[in-house]
N, C-alpha and C. Protein backbone atom coordinates (compact mmCIF):
# COMPACT_ATOMS: atom_id res chain seq x y z
N UNK A 1 44.01 -77.42 -12.65
CA UNK A 1 42.92 -76.48 -12.42
C UNK A 1 42.20 -76.84 -11.12
N UNK A 2 42.02 -75.82 -10.27
CA UNK A 2 41.34 -76.07 -9.00
C UNK A 2 39.85 -76.28 -9.22
N UNK A 3 39.25 -77.09 -8.37
CA UNK A 3 37.82 -77.35 -8.43
C UNK A 3 37.05 -76.13 -7.94
N UNK A 4 36.04 -75.71 -8.72
CA UNK A 4 35.23 -74.57 -8.31
C UNK A 4 34.52 -74.89 -7.00
N UNK A 5 34.41 -73.90 -6.14
CA UNK A 5 33.83 -74.12 -4.81
C UNK A 5 32.39 -74.62 -4.90
N UNK A 6 31.69 -74.27 -5.97
CA UNK A 6 30.29 -74.72 -6.11
C UNK A 6 30.20 -76.24 -6.20
N UNK A 7 31.24 -76.85 -6.76
CA UNK A 7 31.23 -78.31 -6.92
C UNK A 7 31.52 -79.05 -5.63
N UNK A 8 31.83 -78.32 -4.59
CA UNK A 8 32.05 -78.95 -3.29
C UNK A 8 30.85 -78.71 -2.36
N UNK A 9 29.84 -78.02 -2.87
CA UNK A 9 28.65 -77.71 -2.08
C UNK A 9 27.53 -78.67 -2.46
N UNK A 10 27.20 -79.57 -1.55
CA UNK A 10 26.19 -80.61 -1.83
C UNK A 10 24.84 -79.99 -2.19
N UNK A 11 24.44 -78.94 -1.47
CA UNK A 11 23.13 -78.34 -1.69
C UNK A 11 23.03 -77.69 -3.07
N UNK A 12 24.09 -77.03 -3.50
CA UNK A 12 24.08 -76.38 -4.81
C UNK A 12 23.98 -77.42 -5.92
N UNK A 13 24.75 -78.49 -5.80
CA UNK A 13 24.71 -79.54 -6.81
C UNK A 13 23.33 -80.19 -6.86
N UNK A 14 22.73 -80.40 -5.69
CA UNK A 14 21.40 -81.00 -5.63
C UNK A 14 20.38 -80.12 -6.33
N UNK A 15 20.47 -78.81 -6.12
CA UNK A 15 19.54 -77.89 -6.78
C UNK A 15 19.70 -77.92 -8.29
N UNK A 16 20.93 -78.02 -8.75
CA UNK A 16 21.18 -78.09 -10.19
C UNK A 16 20.60 -79.38 -10.78
N UNK A 17 20.86 -80.48 -10.11
CA UNK A 17 20.40 -81.78 -10.62
C UNK A 17 18.90 -81.95 -10.54
N UNK A 18 18.24 -81.18 -9.68
CA UNK A 18 16.78 -81.29 -9.59
C UNK A 18 16.09 -80.88 -10.89
N UNK A 19 16.80 -80.16 -11.74
CA UNK A 19 16.23 -79.82 -13.05
C UNK A 19 16.03 -81.07 -13.90
N UNK A 20 16.74 -82.15 -13.58
CA UNK A 20 16.57 -83.41 -14.29
C UNK A 20 15.58 -84.32 -13.58
N UNK A 21 15.19 -83.94 -12.38
CA UNK A 21 14.32 -84.77 -11.57
C UNK A 21 12.87 -84.51 -11.96
N UNK A 22 11.98 -85.42 -11.55
CA UNK A 22 10.55 -85.25 -11.81
C UNK A 22 9.96 -84.37 -10.72
N UNK A 23 8.84 -83.69 -11.00
CA UNK A 23 8.18 -82.92 -9.95
C UNK A 23 7.58 -83.85 -8.92
N UNK A 24 7.12 -83.27 -7.81
CA UNK A 24 6.48 -84.10 -6.79
C UNK A 24 5.31 -84.85 -7.41
N UNK A 25 5.34 -86.14 -7.36
CA UNK A 25 4.35 -86.97 -8.02
C UNK A 25 5.04 -88.20 -8.57
N UNK A 26 4.46 -88.82 -9.60
CA UNK A 26 4.97 -90.09 -10.04
C UNK A 26 5.25 -90.09 -11.53
N UNK A 27 6.50 -90.01 -11.90
CA UNK A 27 6.95 -90.19 -13.27
C UNK A 27 8.39 -90.66 -13.17
N UNK A 28 8.63 -91.84 -12.62
CA UNK A 28 9.96 -92.25 -12.18
C UNK A 28 10.99 -92.38 -13.29
N UNK A 29 10.55 -92.52 -14.56
CA UNK A 29 11.53 -92.71 -15.61
C UNK A 29 12.00 -91.39 -16.23
N UNK A 30 11.27 -90.31 -15.96
CA UNK A 30 11.63 -89.03 -16.55
C UNK A 30 12.92 -88.52 -15.92
N UNK A 31 13.90 -88.25 -16.76
CA UNK A 31 15.16 -87.68 -16.29
C UNK A 31 16.12 -88.67 -15.68
N UNK A 32 15.75 -89.94 -15.58
CA UNK A 32 16.64 -90.90 -14.92
C UNK A 32 17.92 -91.13 -15.70
N UNK A 33 17.81 -91.13 -17.01
CA UNK A 33 19.01 -91.33 -17.82
C UNK A 33 20.01 -90.21 -17.58
N UNK A 34 19.51 -88.97 -17.55
CA UNK A 34 20.39 -87.83 -17.32
C UNK A 34 21.01 -87.86 -15.94
N UNK A 35 20.22 -88.25 -14.94
CA UNK A 35 20.76 -88.33 -13.58
C UNK A 35 21.80 -89.44 -13.46
N UNK A 36 21.56 -90.56 -14.15
CA UNK A 36 22.52 -91.66 -14.12
C UNK A 36 23.84 -91.22 -14.75
N UNK A 37 23.74 -90.48 -15.83
CA UNK A 37 24.96 -89.97 -16.48
C UNK A 37 25.69 -88.99 -15.57
N UNK A 38 24.93 -88.13 -14.89
CA UNK A 38 25.55 -87.16 -13.98
C UNK A 38 26.29 -87.87 -12.85
N UNK A 39 25.72 -88.98 -12.37
CA UNK A 39 26.35 -89.72 -11.28
C UNK A 39 27.70 -90.28 -11.70
N UNK A 40 27.87 -90.50 -13.02
CA UNK A 40 29.14 -91.07 -13.50
C UNK A 40 30.15 -90.01 -13.94
N UNK A 41 29.72 -88.74 -13.92
CA UNK A 41 30.60 -87.69 -14.42
C UNK A 41 31.77 -87.44 -13.46
N UNK A 42 31.46 -87.26 -12.20
CA UNK A 42 32.52 -86.99 -11.22
C UNK A 42 32.03 -87.36 -9.83
N UNK A 43 32.95 -87.42 -8.92
CA UNK A 43 32.63 -87.80 -7.54
C UNK A 43 31.65 -86.82 -6.91
N UNK A 44 31.79 -85.53 -7.21
CA UNK A 44 30.94 -84.51 -6.60
C UNK A 44 29.47 -84.68 -6.98
N UNK A 45 29.21 -85.19 -8.19
CA UNK A 45 27.83 -85.36 -8.65
C UNK A 45 27.21 -86.67 -8.17
N UNK A 46 28.04 -87.62 -7.78
CA UNK A 46 27.54 -88.98 -7.56
C UNK A 46 26.44 -89.05 -6.50
N UNK A 47 26.72 -88.61 -5.29
CA UNK A 47 25.75 -88.78 -4.21
C UNK A 47 24.47 -87.97 -4.43
N UNK A 48 24.54 -86.69 -4.84
CA UNK A 48 23.30 -85.96 -5.10
C UNK A 48 22.45 -86.60 -6.19
N UNK A 49 23.10 -87.11 -7.24
CA UNK A 49 22.36 -87.74 -8.33
C UNK A 49 21.72 -89.05 -7.89
N UNK A 50 22.46 -89.84 -7.10
CA UNK A 50 21.93 -91.10 -6.60
C UNK A 50 20.71 -90.86 -5.71
N UNK A 51 20.77 -89.85 -4.89
CA UNK A 51 19.63 -89.55 -4.02
C UNK A 51 18.37 -89.25 -4.84
N UNK A 52 18.55 -88.50 -5.92
CA UNK A 52 17.40 -88.16 -6.76
C UNK A 52 16.92 -89.37 -7.56
N UNK A 53 17.85 -90.23 -7.98
CA UNK A 53 17.46 -91.42 -8.73
C UNK A 53 16.57 -92.34 -7.91
N UNK A 54 16.81 -92.41 -6.62
CA UNK A 54 16.03 -93.29 -5.76
C UNK A 54 14.83 -92.60 -5.15
N UNK A 55 14.65 -91.33 -5.42
CA UNK A 55 13.60 -90.55 -4.76
C UNK A 55 12.20 -91.08 -5.10
N UNK A 56 11.98 -91.46 -6.35
CA UNK A 56 10.66 -91.95 -6.78
C UNK A 56 10.79 -93.35 -7.35
N UNK A 57 9.97 -94.27 -6.86
CA UNK A 57 9.96 -95.63 -7.37
C UNK A 57 8.53 -96.03 -7.75
N UNK A 58 8.42 -96.90 -8.74
CA UNK A 58 7.11 -97.43 -9.11
C UNK A 58 7.01 -98.91 -8.74
N UNK A 59 8.05 -99.42 -8.09
CA UNK A 59 8.08 -100.82 -7.70
C UNK A 59 9.20 -100.99 -6.68
N UNK A 60 9.05 -101.96 -5.79
CA UNK A 60 10.05 -102.18 -4.76
C UNK A 60 11.16 -103.12 -5.23
N UNK A 61 10.93 -103.82 -6.35
CA UNK A 61 11.91 -104.80 -6.84
C UNK A 61 13.27 -104.17 -7.16
N UNK A 62 13.33 -102.97 -7.79
CA UNK A 62 14.65 -102.37 -8.02
C UNK A 62 15.46 -102.20 -6.74
N UNK A 63 14.79 -101.87 -5.65
CA UNK A 63 15.51 -101.73 -4.39
C UNK A 63 15.99 -103.09 -3.89
N UNK A 64 15.13 -104.10 -3.99
CA UNK A 64 15.52 -105.43 -3.53
C UNK A 64 16.57 -106.07 -4.43
N UNK A 65 16.72 -105.56 -5.65
CA UNK A 65 17.77 -106.08 -6.53
C UNK A 65 19.15 -105.77 -5.99
N UNK A 66 19.23 -104.90 -4.98
CA UNK A 66 20.50 -104.63 -4.31
C UNK A 66 20.86 -105.74 -3.34
N UNK A 67 19.99 -106.78 -3.31
CA UNK A 67 20.27 -107.99 -2.52
C UNK A 67 20.45 -109.16 -3.48
N UNK A 68 21.48 -109.13 -4.32
CA UNK A 68 21.62 -110.15 -5.37
C UNK A 68 21.78 -111.57 -4.85
N UNK A 69 22.28 -111.72 -3.63
CA UNK A 69 22.45 -113.06 -3.08
C UNK A 69 21.13 -113.65 -2.62
N UNK A 70 20.09 -112.82 -2.50
CA UNK A 70 18.82 -113.28 -1.95
C UNK A 70 17.67 -113.21 -2.94
N UNK A 71 17.60 -112.14 -3.73
CA UNK A 71 16.47 -111.97 -4.64
C UNK A 71 16.57 -112.95 -5.79
N UNK A 72 15.50 -113.68 -6.05
CA UNK A 72 15.50 -114.64 -7.13
C UNK A 72 14.15 -114.64 -7.85
N UNK A 73 14.21 -114.88 -9.15
CA UNK A 73 13.00 -114.98 -9.95
C UNK A 73 12.45 -116.39 -9.83
N UNK A 74 11.19 -116.51 -9.44
CA UNK A 74 10.62 -117.82 -9.20
C UNK A 74 9.55 -118.21 -10.22
N UNK A 75 9.04 -117.22 -10.96
CA UNK A 75 7.98 -117.58 -11.90
C UNK A 75 7.82 -116.51 -12.97
N UNK A 76 7.54 -116.97 -14.19
CA UNK A 76 7.14 -116.09 -15.27
C UNK A 76 5.81 -116.60 -15.80
N UNK A 77 4.77 -115.78 -15.67
CA UNK A 77 3.47 -116.17 -16.18
C UNK A 77 3.43 -116.00 -17.69
N UNK A 78 2.42 -116.60 -18.29
CA UNK A 78 2.30 -116.53 -19.74
C UNK A 78 2.16 -115.09 -20.19
N UNK A 79 2.75 -114.81 -21.32
CA UNK A 79 2.77 -113.45 -21.86
C UNK A 79 1.39 -113.07 -22.38
N UNK A 80 0.98 -111.83 -22.08
CA UNK A 80 -0.25 -111.30 -22.65
C UNK A 80 0.09 -110.16 -23.59
N UNK A 81 -0.85 -109.27 -23.86
CA UNK A 81 -0.63 -108.20 -24.82
C UNK A 81 0.42 -107.21 -24.32
N UNK A 82 0.54 -107.08 -23.01
CA UNK A 82 1.49 -106.12 -22.44
C UNK A 82 2.87 -106.74 -22.22
N UNK A 83 2.90 -107.98 -21.79
CA UNK A 83 4.17 -108.66 -21.53
C UNK A 83 3.98 -109.76 -20.51
N UNK A 84 5.07 -110.22 -19.93
CA UNK A 84 5.03 -111.29 -18.95
C UNK A 84 4.98 -110.73 -17.53
N UNK A 85 4.24 -111.43 -16.67
CA UNK A 85 4.30 -111.15 -15.23
C UNK A 85 5.45 -111.96 -14.65
N UNK A 86 6.35 -111.27 -13.96
CA UNK A 86 7.51 -111.94 -13.37
C UNK A 86 7.41 -111.83 -11.85
N UNK A 87 7.55 -112.95 -11.17
CA UNK A 87 7.42 -112.99 -9.73
C UNK A 87 8.78 -113.26 -9.08
N UNK A 88 9.10 -112.48 -8.06
CA UNK A 88 10.36 -112.61 -7.34
C UNK A 88 10.09 -112.94 -5.87
N UNK A 89 11.12 -113.47 -5.23
CA UNK A 89 11.05 -113.68 -3.79
C UNK A 89 12.46 -113.62 -3.20
N UNK A 90 12.54 -113.44 -1.89
CA UNK A 90 13.81 -113.51 -1.18
C UNK A 90 14.00 -114.93 -0.68
N UNK A 91 15.19 -115.46 -0.92
CA UNK A 91 15.43 -116.87 -0.59
C UNK A 91 15.94 -117.08 0.84
N UNK A 92 16.05 -116.01 1.61
CA UNK A 92 16.48 -116.15 3.00
C UNK A 92 17.97 -116.01 3.21
N UNK A 93 18.74 -115.95 2.11
CA UNK A 93 20.19 -115.83 2.21
C UNK A 93 20.58 -114.35 2.18
N UNK A 94 20.38 -113.66 3.30
CA UNK A 94 20.65 -112.24 3.38
C UNK A 94 22.10 -112.00 3.78
N UNK A 95 22.84 -111.35 2.92
CA UNK A 95 24.23 -110.99 3.20
C UNK A 95 24.22 -109.64 3.92
N UNK A 96 24.78 -109.56 5.12
CA UNK A 96 24.72 -108.31 5.90
C UNK A 96 25.19 -107.07 5.14
N UNK A 97 26.28 -107.21 4.38
CA UNK A 97 26.79 -106.05 3.64
C UNK A 97 25.80 -105.58 2.59
N UNK A 98 25.14 -106.54 1.92
CA UNK A 98 24.13 -106.18 0.92
C UNK A 98 22.92 -105.52 1.58
N UNK A 99 22.51 -106.05 2.72
CA UNK A 99 21.37 -105.49 3.43
C UNK A 99 21.64 -104.06 3.89
N UNK A 100 22.83 -103.82 4.40
CA UNK A 100 23.19 -102.48 4.84
C UNK A 100 23.23 -101.50 3.67
N UNK A 101 23.74 -101.96 2.54
CA UNK A 101 23.79 -101.09 1.36
C UNK A 101 22.37 -100.78 0.88
N UNK A 102 21.52 -101.79 0.86
CA UNK A 102 20.14 -101.58 0.44
C UNK A 102 19.43 -100.60 1.37
N UNK A 103 19.68 -100.71 2.68
CA UNK A 103 19.05 -99.81 3.64
C UNK A 103 19.46 -98.36 3.41
N UNK A 104 20.72 -98.15 3.03
CA UNK A 104 21.16 -96.78 2.75
C UNK A 104 20.41 -96.20 1.57
N UNK A 105 20.18 -97.00 0.55
CA UNK A 105 19.43 -96.53 -0.62
C UNK A 105 17.95 -96.36 -0.27
N UNK A 106 17.42 -97.23 0.59
CA UNK A 106 16.01 -97.14 0.98
C UNK A 106 15.70 -95.82 1.68
N UNK A 107 16.70 -95.24 2.33
CA UNK A 107 16.49 -93.97 3.02
C UNK A 107 16.20 -92.83 2.05
N UNK A 108 16.55 -92.99 0.77
CA UNK A 108 16.36 -91.93 -0.21
C UNK A 108 14.96 -91.94 -0.82
N UNK A 109 14.23 -93.04 -0.67
CA UNK A 109 12.93 -93.18 -1.34
C UNK A 109 11.88 -92.34 -0.61
N UNK A 110 11.24 -91.43 -1.35
CA UNK A 110 10.20 -90.59 -0.77
C UNK A 110 8.83 -90.82 -1.40
N UNK A 111 8.80 -91.35 -2.62
CA UNK A 111 7.55 -91.58 -3.33
C UNK A 111 7.55 -93.00 -3.89
N UNK A 112 6.52 -93.74 -3.58
CA UNK A 112 6.38 -95.09 -4.12
C UNK A 112 4.97 -95.25 -4.67
N UNK A 113 4.89 -95.49 -5.97
CA UNK A 113 3.59 -95.67 -6.63
C UNK A 113 3.47 -97.13 -7.05
N UNK A 114 2.82 -97.91 -6.21
CA UNK A 114 2.64 -99.34 -6.46
C UNK A 114 1.17 -99.59 -6.83
N UNK A 115 0.55 -98.61 -7.48
CA UNK A 115 -0.90 -98.63 -7.62
C UNK A 115 -1.40 -99.29 -8.89
N UNK A 116 -0.57 -99.51 -9.89
CA UNK A 116 -1.06 -100.00 -11.16
C UNK A 116 -1.16 -101.52 -11.18
N UNK A 117 -2.30 -102.02 -11.66
CA UNK A 117 -2.48 -103.47 -11.80
C UNK A 117 -1.73 -104.00 -13.01
N UNK A 118 -1.18 -103.08 -13.83
CA UNK A 118 -0.44 -103.50 -15.02
C UNK A 118 1.05 -103.66 -14.75
N UNK A 119 1.46 -103.43 -13.52
CA UNK A 119 2.86 -103.63 -13.19
C UNK A 119 3.24 -105.08 -13.45
N UNK A 120 4.39 -105.29 -14.06
CA UNK A 120 4.75 -106.63 -14.53
C UNK A 120 5.63 -107.40 -13.56
N UNK A 121 6.00 -106.82 -12.46
CA UNK A 121 6.84 -107.52 -11.49
C UNK A 121 6.11 -107.61 -10.16
N UNK A 122 6.23 -108.77 -9.52
CA UNK A 122 5.53 -109.01 -8.27
C UNK A 122 6.46 -109.68 -7.27
N UNK A 123 6.07 -109.60 -5.99
CA UNK A 123 6.76 -110.32 -4.93
C UNK A 123 5.80 -111.34 -4.35
N UNK A 124 6.32 -112.48 -3.93
CA UNK A 124 5.48 -113.48 -3.29
C UNK A 124 5.03 -112.97 -1.92
N UNK A 125 3.84 -113.36 -1.44
CA UNK A 125 3.39 -112.94 -0.11
C UNK A 125 4.38 -113.23 1.01
N UNK A 126 5.04 -114.42 1.03
CA UNK A 126 6.02 -114.65 2.11
C UNK A 126 7.17 -113.64 2.11
N UNK A 127 7.48 -113.07 0.95
CA UNK A 127 8.56 -112.10 0.89
C UNK A 127 8.20 -110.84 1.66
N UNK A 128 6.95 -110.40 1.57
CA UNK A 128 6.52 -109.22 2.33
C UNK A 128 6.58 -109.49 3.83
N UNK A 129 6.19 -110.68 4.22
CA UNK A 129 6.26 -111.04 5.64
C UNK A 129 7.72 -111.08 6.11
N UNK A 130 8.58 -111.60 5.25
CA UNK A 130 10.00 -111.69 5.57
C UNK A 130 10.63 -110.30 5.70
N UNK A 131 10.19 -109.38 4.86
CA UNK A 131 10.70 -108.01 4.94
C UNK A 131 10.33 -107.37 6.29
N UNK A 132 9.12 -107.65 6.76
CA UNK A 132 8.72 -107.15 8.07
C UNK A 132 9.62 -107.72 9.16
N UNK A 133 9.98 -109.00 9.02
CA UNK A 133 10.89 -109.63 9.98
C UNK A 133 12.28 -109.00 9.91
N UNK A 134 12.79 -108.80 8.69
CA UNK A 134 14.14 -108.27 8.53
C UNK A 134 14.27 -106.85 9.08
N UNK A 135 13.21 -106.08 8.96
CA UNK A 135 13.25 -104.70 9.44
C UNK A 135 12.85 -104.59 10.91
N UNK A 136 12.56 -105.75 11.55
CA UNK A 136 12.11 -105.76 12.95
C UNK A 136 10.87 -104.88 13.12
N UNK A 137 9.98 -104.98 12.13
CA UNK A 137 8.71 -104.23 12.10
C UNK A 137 8.91 -102.73 12.00
N UNK A 138 10.13 -102.30 11.65
CA UNK A 138 10.39 -100.89 11.38
C UNK A 138 10.17 -100.62 9.89
N UNK A 139 9.96 -99.35 9.49
CA UNK A 139 9.70 -99.04 8.09
C UNK A 139 10.88 -99.43 7.18
N UNK A 140 10.58 -100.11 6.09
CA UNK A 140 11.61 -100.40 5.10
C UNK A 140 12.07 -99.12 4.42
N UNK A 141 11.15 -98.18 4.26
CA UNK A 141 11.44 -96.89 3.63
C UNK A 141 11.21 -95.80 4.67
N UNK A 142 12.19 -95.49 5.49
CA UNK A 142 11.99 -94.64 6.67
C UNK A 142 11.65 -93.19 6.37
N UNK A 143 11.88 -92.74 5.12
CA UNK A 143 11.59 -91.35 4.77
C UNK A 143 10.51 -91.22 3.72
N UNK A 144 9.71 -92.26 3.57
CA UNK A 144 8.64 -92.25 2.57
C UNK A 144 7.60 -91.19 2.91
N UNK A 145 7.23 -90.40 1.90
CA UNK A 145 6.25 -89.34 2.10
C UNK A 145 4.90 -89.66 1.45
N UNK A 146 4.94 -90.37 0.33
CA UNK A 146 3.71 -90.64 -0.41
C UNK A 146 3.72 -92.08 -0.90
N UNK A 147 2.62 -92.80 -0.66
CA UNK A 147 2.52 -94.21 -1.05
C UNK A 147 1.19 -94.46 -1.75
N UNK A 148 1.26 -95.09 -2.91
CA UNK A 148 0.07 -95.58 -3.60
C UNK A 148 0.24 -97.08 -3.78
N UNK A 149 -0.85 -97.83 -3.50
CA UNK A 149 -0.74 -99.29 -3.52
C UNK A 149 -2.00 -99.88 -4.10
N UNK A 150 -1.84 -100.92 -4.93
CA UNK A 150 -2.96 -101.63 -5.54
C UNK A 150 -3.13 -102.99 -4.89
N UNK A 151 -4.33 -103.27 -4.38
CA UNK A 151 -4.62 -104.55 -3.76
C UNK A 151 -5.51 -105.36 -4.70
N UNK A 152 -5.01 -106.50 -5.14
CA UNK A 152 -5.78 -107.35 -6.05
C UNK A 152 -6.64 -108.36 -5.31
N UNK A 153 -6.36 -108.55 -4.02
CA UNK A 153 -7.11 -109.52 -3.22
C UNK A 153 -7.05 -109.11 -1.76
N UNK A 154 -7.95 -109.64 -0.92
CA UNK A 154 -7.88 -109.32 0.52
C UNK A 154 -6.53 -109.68 1.13
N UNK A 155 -5.93 -110.78 0.70
CA UNK A 155 -4.63 -111.19 1.22
C UNK A 155 -3.56 -110.15 0.93
N UNK A 156 -3.66 -109.49 -0.20
CA UNK A 156 -2.62 -108.54 -0.59
C UNK A 156 -2.57 -107.32 0.31
N UNK A 157 -3.61 -107.08 1.11
CA UNK A 157 -3.58 -105.93 2.02
C UNK A 157 -2.48 -106.07 3.07
N UNK A 158 -2.05 -107.30 3.33
CA UNK A 158 -0.98 -107.51 4.31
C UNK A 158 0.39 -107.08 3.78
N UNK A 159 0.49 -106.92 2.47
CA UNK A 159 1.79 -106.64 1.86
C UNK A 159 2.28 -105.22 2.13
N UNK A 160 1.36 -104.33 2.47
CA UNK A 160 1.74 -102.94 2.63
C UNK A 160 2.44 -102.67 3.97
N UNK A 161 2.33 -103.60 4.92
CA UNK A 161 2.85 -103.34 6.27
C UNK A 161 4.31 -102.88 6.30
N UNK A 162 5.27 -103.56 5.64
CA UNK A 162 6.66 -103.09 5.75
C UNK A 162 6.91 -101.75 5.07
N UNK A 163 5.95 -101.27 4.28
CA UNK A 163 6.13 -99.99 3.58
C UNK A 163 5.57 -98.81 4.38
N UNK A 164 4.74 -99.07 5.35
CA UNK A 164 4.15 -97.99 6.13
C UNK A 164 5.21 -97.33 7.02
N UNK A 165 5.09 -96.02 7.12
CA UNK A 165 6.06 -95.26 7.91
C UNK A 165 5.37 -94.05 8.53
N UNK A 166 5.83 -93.62 9.71
CA UNK A 166 5.26 -92.41 10.32
C UNK A 166 5.45 -91.16 9.46
N UNK A 167 6.37 -91.20 8.52
CA UNK A 167 6.66 -90.03 7.69
C UNK A 167 5.67 -89.85 6.54
N UNK A 168 4.83 -90.84 6.27
CA UNK A 168 3.89 -90.75 5.15
C UNK A 168 2.82 -89.70 5.44
N UNK A 169 2.63 -88.82 4.46
CA UNK A 169 1.56 -87.82 4.56
C UNK A 169 0.44 -88.08 3.57
N UNK A 170 0.73 -88.79 2.49
CA UNK A 170 -0.28 -89.08 1.47
C UNK A 170 -0.33 -90.58 1.20
N UNK A 171 -1.52 -91.15 1.30
CA UNK A 171 -1.70 -92.58 1.08
C UNK A 171 -2.91 -92.80 0.18
N UNK A 172 -2.69 -93.49 -0.95
CA UNK A 172 -3.75 -93.85 -1.88
C UNK A 172 -3.83 -95.37 -1.98
N UNK A 173 -5.00 -95.92 -1.77
CA UNK A 173 -5.22 -97.35 -1.83
C UNK A 173 -6.23 -97.66 -2.92
N UNK A 174 -5.89 -98.62 -3.79
CA UNK A 174 -6.77 -99.06 -4.85
C UNK A 174 -7.10 -100.54 -4.60
N UNK A 175 -8.39 -100.86 -4.56
CA UNK A 175 -8.81 -102.23 -4.26
C UNK A 175 -9.65 -102.79 -5.41
N UNK A 176 -9.35 -104.00 -5.80
CA UNK A 176 -10.07 -104.68 -6.87
C UNK A 176 -11.21 -105.50 -6.26
N UNK A 177 -12.21 -104.81 -5.77
CA UNK A 177 -13.32 -105.44 -5.07
C UNK A 177 -14.47 -105.70 -6.03
N UNK A 178 -15.03 -106.89 -5.95
CA UNK A 178 -16.19 -107.23 -6.76
C UNK A 178 -17.36 -107.55 -5.83
N UNK A 179 -18.28 -106.60 -5.71
CA UNK A 179 -19.47 -106.81 -4.90
C UNK A 179 -19.17 -106.82 -3.41
N UNK A 180 -20.22 -107.02 -2.62
CA UNK A 180 -20.05 -107.11 -1.16
C UNK A 180 -19.29 -108.38 -0.82
N UNK A 181 -18.27 -108.23 -0.02
CA UNK A 181 -17.39 -109.36 0.27
C UNK A 181 -16.90 -109.22 1.70
N UNK A 182 -17.29 -110.16 2.56
CA UNK A 182 -16.92 -110.08 3.98
C UNK A 182 -15.42 -110.14 4.18
N UNK A 183 -14.73 -110.92 3.34
CA UNK A 183 -13.27 -111.02 3.48
C UNK A 183 -12.61 -109.69 3.20
N UNK A 184 -13.09 -109.00 2.16
CA UNK A 184 -12.56 -107.67 1.86
C UNK A 184 -12.85 -106.70 3.00
N UNK A 185 -14.07 -106.72 3.51
CA UNK A 185 -14.46 -105.80 4.57
C UNK A 185 -13.59 -105.99 5.80
N UNK A 186 -13.36 -107.24 6.19
CA UNK A 186 -12.52 -107.52 7.36
C UNK A 186 -11.07 -107.12 7.10
N UNK A 187 -10.57 -107.39 5.90
CA UNK A 187 -9.18 -107.05 5.57
C UNK A 187 -8.97 -105.55 5.57
N UNK A 188 -9.94 -104.80 5.05
CA UNK A 188 -9.81 -103.35 5.04
C UNK A 188 -9.93 -102.77 6.44
N UNK A 189 -10.77 -103.37 7.28
CA UNK A 189 -10.88 -102.91 8.66
C UNK A 189 -9.54 -103.07 9.38
N UNK A 190 -8.91 -104.22 9.21
CA UNK A 190 -7.60 -104.45 9.81
C UNK A 190 -6.57 -103.47 9.25
N UNK A 191 -6.62 -103.26 7.92
CA UNK A 191 -5.70 -102.32 7.28
C UNK A 191 -5.83 -100.93 7.88
N UNK A 192 -7.05 -100.46 8.08
CA UNK A 192 -7.26 -99.13 8.64
C UNK A 192 -6.67 -99.01 10.04
N UNK A 193 -6.81 -100.05 10.83
CA UNK A 193 -6.24 -100.04 12.18
C UNK A 193 -4.71 -99.94 12.12
N UNK A 194 -4.10 -100.71 11.21
CA UNK A 194 -2.65 -100.69 11.08
C UNK A 194 -2.17 -99.34 10.59
N UNK A 195 -2.83 -98.81 9.57
CA UNK A 195 -2.45 -97.51 9.01
C UNK A 195 -2.53 -96.42 10.08
N UNK A 196 -3.61 -96.40 10.84
CA UNK A 196 -3.81 -95.35 11.84
C UNK A 196 -2.79 -95.42 12.97
N UNK A 197 -2.24 -96.62 13.22
CA UNK A 197 -1.28 -96.77 14.30
C UNK A 197 0.16 -96.50 13.85
N UNK A 198 0.41 -96.62 12.55
CA UNK A 198 1.78 -96.44 12.05
C UNK A 198 1.95 -95.10 11.35
N UNK A 199 1.09 -94.82 10.36
CA UNK A 199 1.20 -93.58 9.58
C UNK A 199 0.46 -92.47 10.33
N UNK A 200 1.07 -91.98 11.37
CA UNK A 200 0.41 -91.06 12.29
C UNK A 200 0.41 -89.60 11.83
N UNK A 201 1.06 -89.32 10.69
CA UNK A 201 1.10 -87.95 10.20
C UNK A 201 0.39 -87.80 8.85
N UNK A 202 -0.55 -88.68 8.59
CA UNK A 202 -1.31 -88.61 7.34
C UNK A 202 -2.10 -87.31 7.25
N UNK A 203 -2.03 -86.69 6.08
CA UNK A 203 -2.89 -85.53 5.80
C UNK A 203 -3.86 -85.85 4.67
N UNK A 204 -3.59 -86.93 3.93
CA UNK A 204 -4.47 -87.32 2.83
C UNK A 204 -4.51 -88.85 2.74
N UNK A 205 -5.72 -89.40 2.77
CA UNK A 205 -5.91 -90.85 2.66
C UNK A 205 -7.08 -91.09 1.73
N UNK A 206 -6.81 -91.71 0.59
CA UNK A 206 -7.84 -91.96 -0.40
C UNK A 206 -7.96 -93.46 -0.67
N UNK A 207 -9.18 -93.98 -0.58
CA UNK A 207 -9.46 -95.38 -0.86
C UNK A 207 -10.34 -95.44 -2.10
N UNK A 208 -9.89 -96.18 -3.10
CA UNK A 208 -10.64 -96.28 -4.35
C UNK A 208 -11.05 -97.73 -4.58
N UNK A 209 -12.35 -97.93 -4.71
CA UNK A 209 -12.90 -99.26 -4.94
C UNK A 209 -13.98 -99.14 -6.02
N UNK A 210 -14.29 -100.25 -6.74
CA UNK A 210 -15.35 -100.21 -7.75
C UNK A 210 -16.70 -99.81 -7.17
N UNK A 211 -16.97 -100.24 -5.95
CA UNK A 211 -18.18 -99.84 -5.24
C UNK A 211 -17.86 -99.76 -3.76
N UNK A 212 -18.66 -99.04 -3.03
CA UNK A 212 -18.35 -98.80 -1.62
C UNK A 212 -18.56 -100.07 -0.80
N UNK A 213 -17.51 -100.53 -0.14
CA UNK A 213 -17.59 -101.68 0.76
C UNK A 213 -16.84 -101.37 2.05
N UNK A 214 -16.89 -100.12 2.46
CA UNK A 214 -16.12 -99.70 3.61
C UNK A 214 -16.53 -100.46 4.87
N UNK A 215 -15.56 -100.73 5.75
CA UNK A 215 -15.90 -101.40 7.01
C UNK A 215 -16.92 -100.58 7.80
N UNK A 216 -17.78 -101.28 8.51
CA UNK A 216 -18.78 -100.57 9.30
C UNK A 216 -18.89 -101.23 10.68
């Protein structure tokens, strides 16, 4: 039996599979099982389904797991009511083939919601710095459109640098600020300068803090 012409049209297949995808926004687990199954059905479905599977992420660790020779678990904090906090880092052993494969998948990511303080997986601060080095200060996610990020400390504001991209139109920042704090004020001032120089096509920028401590 000959293959129907529709199954050779990438755009048609993508439109069909979008019925399993989440709407614009953040619900990364909705429809993922169906898309994963579609990717295994036949060669024609594989690439369109994979693109949609990587379209929305709630954490960068799944992407870095494509670097199995480098990504390693370094710490598990004590379990609380929700679960354990697990911390990962890159050990510096970057295999070129793995890096190239990861970069191809990174091109598909358009939405990243890193805003929840209840996320159970973390990266060490040196790993974020190393990612900036590996990308030669270019965006890790070159087609990212929307980014939400949670900062638990002034130091954590440096972690967003490798994720910033000129393609971002929506940026939401959540800061765990307690009272007036000069370190927070200085860190946010630096962050604003970096954002304005990199994310040059922003149409929406929202900063959420317990109380107003905006740089002045």
